[in-house]
Amino acid sequence: MKMKLVLVEKDETLRTQLEELLAFYNLFDIVKTFDGINEANKYICLNEVDAVFINIRTGNPRYSGDGSFLAYNLSQIKPDVLVALYSEEKLEAGMVFDCCCDEYFRLPFDNRVLQRVVKRLQYLFELLQYKRLSVNRSMMIKTRNGYQLVDIDKVLFIERMDRKNKMVMVDGKEMILSGYSMNELEQILEGYNFYRCYQSFIVNLSRVSYVRADNEAKNFALIFEGYAGEVMVSRDKYTEVLQLLKNKYAKLTL
């Protein structure tokens, strides 16, 4: 899952450089860029944003505040938004601390320094994801017989078949869902380690125990411990799902 990222930088050249450098890590989805503080602050407060890179000299301290003001303001009203602050001049440790940012670095952009910053943000983001999952691991789902509370950890996968969506649990039980499209279910389960590996399948990646690959026939499938069947993986998503599993689950047999 990529971090939804906002860039706050008034210099177009620096902004382009940063976009190109961050693209290398394939961890960010840059949803918006701003050259002013007020517009950035309003957008971040009203929309789902995971992280923001801010040039401390963006904005005017007399009227809108500068980047340090935005960083501090976000720490108070959107504390789960990760903030990376940067500047041309070296800042004192006390000032960086007062800004309440999660990372700080100096210009010009340095690949090694940026790698450290990205790794730190990735680590904090994964901690936040784990925290959210721990707090809310159940969801209310609509079935043919009404609404049912489902433990997300106990879901193996969801399958679309014969114009019906079927949820399969770890104990083998199945339930027919009512009133959802696969796209809607994919959005509902976003952030809970679910992945749409095929047009008709959404799988719980944390429950995958084996990946079957026939490279000659270009046939790929996911297998779950204790479940007799398997779930197909489309050719164009095989590499991506394999990388997700490698990064998250060390005990998986590949």
Protein backbone atom coordinates (compact mmCIF):
# COMPACT_ATOMS: atom_id res chain seq x y z
CA MET A 1 0.00 0.00 0.00
CA LYS A 2 1.50 3.31 -1.11
CA MET A 3 1.55 6.42 1.06
CA LYS A 4 -0.66 9.26 -0.15
CA LEU A 5 1.85 12.10 -0.38
CA VAL A 6 1.61 15.89 -0.67
CA LEU A 7 4.55 18.08 -1.73
CA VAL A 8 4.74 21.70 -0.56
CA GLU A 9 7.42 23.45 -2.60
CA LYS A 10 7.25 26.82 -4.39
CA ASP A 11 10.33 26.20 -6.55
CA GLU A 12 9.22 24.22 -9.60
CA THR A 13 12.72 22.87 -10.29
CA LEU A 14 13.14 21.55 -6.74
CA ARG A 15 9.63 20.09 -6.80
CA THR A 16 10.34 18.22 -10.05
CA GLN A 17 13.64 16.90 -8.68
CA LEU A 18 11.95 15.64 -5.53
CA GLU A 19 9.15 13.97 -7.50
CA GLU A 20 11.66 12.13 -9.67
CA LEU A 21 13.77 11.01 -6.69
CA LEU A 22 10.77 9.74 -4.72
CA ALA A 23 9.42 7.86 -7.74
CA PHE A 24 12.45 5.56 -7.52
CA TYR A 25 11.21 4.03 -4.24
CA ASN A 26 7.71 3.20 -5.53
CA LEU A 27 6.31 3.88 -2.04
CA PHE A 28 4.42 7.10 -2.66
CA ASP A 29 1.35 8.21 -4.55
CA ILE A 30 1.77 11.97 -4.99
CA VAL A 31 -1.83 13.13 -4.78
CA LYS A 32 -1.23 16.89 -4.78
CA THR A 33 1.49 19.55 -4.96
CA PHE A 34 1.28 23.10 -3.59
CA ASP A 35 3.38 26.26 -3.73
CA GLY A 36 1.58 27.90 -0.79
CA ILE A 37 0.92 27.09 2.86
CA ASN A 38 -2.77 27.95 3.22
CA GLU A 39 -3.91 25.84 0.28
CA ALA A 40 -1.79 22.89 1.40
CA ASN A 41 -3.05 23.10 4.98
CA LYS A 42 -6.69 23.18 3.87
CA TYR A 43 -6.29 20.21 1.52
CA ILE A 44 -4.44 18.03 4.04
CA CYS A 45 -7.02 18.75 6.74
CA LEU A 46 -9.94 17.82 4.49
CA ASN A 47 -8.49 14.82 2.65
CA GLU A 48 -6.81 11.50 3.38
CA VAL A 49 -3.06 12.16 3.37
CA ASP A 50 -0.35 9.93 4.85
CA ALA A 51 2.78 12.06 4.44
CA VAL A 52 3.96 15.50 3.35
CA PHE A 53 7.32 16.93 2.28
CA ILE A 54 7.65 20.65 3.09
CA ASN A 55 10.30 23.21 2.19
CA ILE A 56 10.55 25.34 5.31
CA ARG A 57 10.88 28.50 3.20
CA THR A 58 7.55 27.98 1.43
CA GLY A 59 5.02 30.64 2.38
CA ASN A 60 5.34 34.03 4.06
CA PRO A 61 5.82 34.10 7.86
CA ARG A 62 4.01 37.46 8.07
CA TYR A 63 0.81 36.33 6.39
CA SER A 64 0.43 32.57 6.05
CA GLY A 65 3.30 31.18 8.07
CA ASP A 66 6.17 29.22 6.55
CA GLY A 67 6.85 25.50 6.28
CA SER A 68 7.71 25.20 9.96
CA PHE A 69 4.30 26.61 10.87
CA LEU A 70 2.55 24.09 8.60
CA ALA A 71 4.56 21.22 10.11
CA TYR A 72 3.65 22.28 13.65
CA ASN A 73 0.00 22.87 12.76
CA LEU A 74 -0.33 19.40 11.24
CA SER A 75 1.20 17.83 14.35
CA GLN A 76 -1.65 19.33 16.37
CA ILE A 77 -4.66 18.69 14.14
CA LYS A 78 -3.52 15.72 11.97
CA PRO A 79 -0.93 13.92 14.14
CA ASP A 80 -0.98 10.76 11.99
CA VAL A 81 0.29 12.68 8.95
CA LEU A 82 4.04 12.10 8.63
CA VAL A 83 6.03 15.28 7.98
CA ALA A 84 9.45 15.57 6.33
CA LEU A 85 10.84 19.11 6.53
CA TYR A 86 13.81 20.37 4.51
CA SER A 87 15.71 23.62 3.98
CA GLU A 88 18.81 25.11 2.37
CA GLU A 89 20.33 26.29 5.65
CA LYS A 90 21.20 24.13 8.63
CA LEU A 91 18.60 24.33 11.39
CA GLU A 92 19.32 24.01 15.08
CA ALA A 93 18.09 20.80 16.68
CA GLY A 94 15.78 22.79 18.95
CA MET A 95 14.02 24.40 16.00
CA VAL A 96 13.55 21.04 14.27
CA PHE A 97 12.12 19.66 17.50
CA ASP A 98 9.75 22.62 17.88
CA CYS A 99 8.40 22.01 14.37
CA CYS A 100 7.29 18.52 15.48
CA CYS A 101 8.37 17.00 12.16
CA ASP A 102 9.19 13.31 11.74
CA GLU A 103 12.25 13.86 9.54
CA TYR A 104 14.50 16.74 8.51
CA PHE A 105 17.19 17.09 5.84
CA ARG A 106 19.11 19.81 4.01
CA LEU A 107 19.24 20.83 0.38
CA PRO A 108 20.60 20.05 -2.14
CA PHE A 109 18.95 16.64 -2.41
CA ASP A 110 21.31 13.80 -1.56
CA ASN A 111 20.31 10.25 -2.51
CA ARG A 112 21.77 8.67 0.62
CA VAL A 113 20.11 11.17 2.93
CA LEU A 114 16.81 10.86 1.11
CA GLN A 115 17.00 7.08 1.40
CA ARG A 116 17.31 7.44 5.17
CA VAL A 117 14.31 9.77 5.25
CA VAL A 118 12.18 7.47 3.09
CA LYS A 119 13.05 4.39 5.15
CA ARG A 120 12.12 6.23 8.33
CA LEU A 121 8.78 7.37 6.93
CA GLN A 122 8.07 3.86 5.67
CA TYR A 123 8.78 2.43 9.13
CA LEU A 124 6.50 4.95 10.85
CA PHE A 125 3.77 4.43 8.25
CA GLU A 126 3.81 0.66 8.82
CA LEU A 127 3.58 1.22 12.58
CA LEU A 128 0.54 3.44 12.08
CA GLN A 129 -1.05 0.83 9.83
CA TYR A 130 -0.49 -1.84 12.47
CA LYS A 131 -2.00 0.44 15.11
CA ARG A 132 -5.10 1.04 13.00
CA LEU A 133 -5.51 -2.66 12.34
CA SER A 134 -5.15 -3.47 16.04
CA VAL A 135 -7.81 -0.94 17.00
CA ASN A 136 -10.31 -1.91 14.33
CA ARG A 137 -10.09 -5.53 13.17
CA SER A 138 -13.80 -6.09 12.59
CA MET A 139 -16.31 -4.74 10.11
CA MET A 140 -20.05 -4.85 9.69
CA ILE A 141 -20.92 -6.56 6.42
CA LYS A 142 -24.30 -6.88 4.72
CA THR A 143 -25.39 -10.41 3.83
CA ARG A 144 -28.59 -11.98 2.52
CA ASN A 145 -29.83 -12.45 6.08
CA GLY A 146 -28.95 -9.01 7.42
CA TYR A 147 -25.80 -7.41 8.81
CA GLN A 148 -23.03 -9.49 10.36
CA LEU A 149 -19.93 -8.50 12.33
CA VAL A 150 -16.89 -10.12 10.70
CA ASP A 151 -13.37 -10.50 12.11
CA ILE A 152 -11.20 -9.29 9.23
CA ASP A 153 -8.29 -11.51 10.27
CA LYS A 154 -10.50 -14.58 9.76
CA VAL A 155 -11.29 -13.81 6.10
CA LEU A 156 -9.35 -15.83 3.50
CA PHE A 157 -10.69 -14.24 0.33
CA ILE A 158 -13.71 -12.87 -1.49
CA GLU A 159 -14.74 -14.39 -4.81
CA ARG A 160 -17.05 -13.04 -7.50
CA MET A 161 -18.94 -15.91 -9.15
CA ASP A 162 -22.31 -16.15 -10.91
CA ARG A 163 -22.93 -12.44 -10.23
CA LYS A 164 -22.57 -13.03 -6.48
CA ASN A 165 -19.81 -12.10 -4.04
CA LYS A 166 -18.82 -14.91 -1.69
CA MET A 167 -16.69 -14.39 1.44
CA VAL A 168 -14.68 -17.47 2.51
CA MET A 169 -13.47 -17.72 6.12
CA VAL A 170 -10.53 -19.63 7.65
CA ASP A 171 -12.90 -22.20 9.18
CA GLY A 172 -14.32 -22.98 5.73
CA LYS A 173 -17.59 -21.15 6.26
CA GLU A 174 -18.92 -19.10 3.38
CA MET A 175 -21.34 -16.20 3.25
CA ILE A 176 -22.98 -14.47 0.31
CA LEU A 177 -22.58 -10.71 0.49
CA SER A 178 -25.37 -8.40 -0.57
CA GLY A 179 -25.27 -5.04 -2.31
CA TYR A 180 -21.53 -4.70 -2.97
CA SER A 181 -19.51 -4.54 -6.16
CA MET A 182 -15.96 -5.91 -6.17
CA ASN A 183 -14.64 -2.36 -6.55
CA GLU A 184 -16.54 -1.28 -3.43
CA LEU A 185 -15.25 -4.25 -1.45
CA GLU A 186 -11.71 -3.49 -2.60
CA GLN A 187 -12.06 0.07 -1.27
CA ILE A 188 -13.61 -1.08 2.03
CA LEU A 189 -10.72 -3.49 2.66
CA GLU A 190 -7.98 -1.08 1.63
CA GLY A 191 -5.38 -0.86 4.39
CA TYR A 192 -6.23 -4.28 5.86
CA ASN A 193 -3.64 -6.32 3.88
CA PHE A 194 -6.15 -7.33 1.21
CA TYR A 195 -5.20 -7.35 -2.46
CA ARG A 196 -7.17 -7.80 -5.66
CA CYS A 197 -5.06 -10.43 -7.39
CA TYR A 198 -7.61 -11.23 -10.09
CA GLN A 199 -10.73 -9.59 -11.47
CA SER A 200 -12.88 -11.98 -9.44
CA PHE A 201 -10.70 -12.40 -6.31
CA ILE A 202 -9.71 -10.21 -3.34
CA VAL A 203 -7.35 -12.07 -1.00
CA ASN A 204 -6.11 -11.63 2.56
CA LEU A 205 -2.33 -11.54 2.01
CA SER A 206 -1.61 -12.33 5.66
CA ARG A 207 -3.27 -15.75 5.18
CA VAL A 208 -1.32 -16.82 2.08
CA SER A 209 1.05 -19.72 2.82
CA TYR A 210 2.23 -20.76 -0.65
CA VAL A 211 2.55 -19.33 -4.16
CA ARG A 212 2.23 -21.77 -7.05
CA ALA A 213 3.89 -20.65 -10.27
CA ASP A 214 3.99 -22.38 -13.65
CA ASN A 215 6.18 -19.97 -15.60
CA GLU A 216 5.93 -21.93 -18.85
CA ALA A 217 2.14 -21.93 -18.86
CA LYS A 218 2.03 -18.48 -17.23
CA ASN A 219 -0.28 -19.89 -14.59
CA PHE A 220 -0.11 -18.54 -11.03
CA ALA A 221 -2.11 -19.16 -7.86
CA LEU A 222 -2.20 -18.48 -4.11
CA ILE A 223 -2.71 -21.27 -1.59
CA PHE A 224 -3.94 -20.92 1.99
CA GLU A 225 -3.08 -23.22 4.89
CA GLY A 226 -6.03 -25.48 5.74
CA TYR A 227 -7.93 -24.61 2.56
CA ALA A 228 -8.18 -27.25 -0.18
CA GLY A 229 -8.61 -24.90 -3.13
CA GLU A 230 -6.49 -22.12 -4.58
CA VAL A 231 -6.96 -18.59 -5.85
CA MET A 232 -5.78 -17.56 -9.30
CA VAL A 233 -3.42 -14.62 -9.81
CA SER A 234 -3.52 -12.68 -13.07
CA ARG A 235 -0.30 -12.56 -15.10
CA ASP A 236 0.02 -8.79 -14.88
CA LYS A 237 -0.34 -8.80 -11.08
CA TYR A 238 1.87 -11.79 -10.27
CA THR A 239 5.10 -9.79 -9.88
CA GLU A 240 3.43 -7.15 -7.72
CA VAL A 241 1.71 -9.60 -5.38
CA LEU A 242 4.95 -11.58 -5.05
CA GLN A 243 6.84 -8.46 -4.03
CA LEU A 244 4.16 -7.52 -1.50
CA LEU A 245 4.36 -10.96 0.07
CA LYS A 246 8.16 -10.96 0.16
CA ASN A 247 8.23 -7.57 1.87
CA LYS A 248 5.61 -8.37 4.50
CA TYR A 249 5.74 -12.06 5.32
CA ALA A 250 9.13 -13.72 5.78
CA LYS A 251 7.70 -17.19 6.52
CA LEU A 252 5.98 -17.51 3.16
CA THR A 253 7.18 -20.31 0.85
CA LEU A 254 8.01 -18.87 -2.59
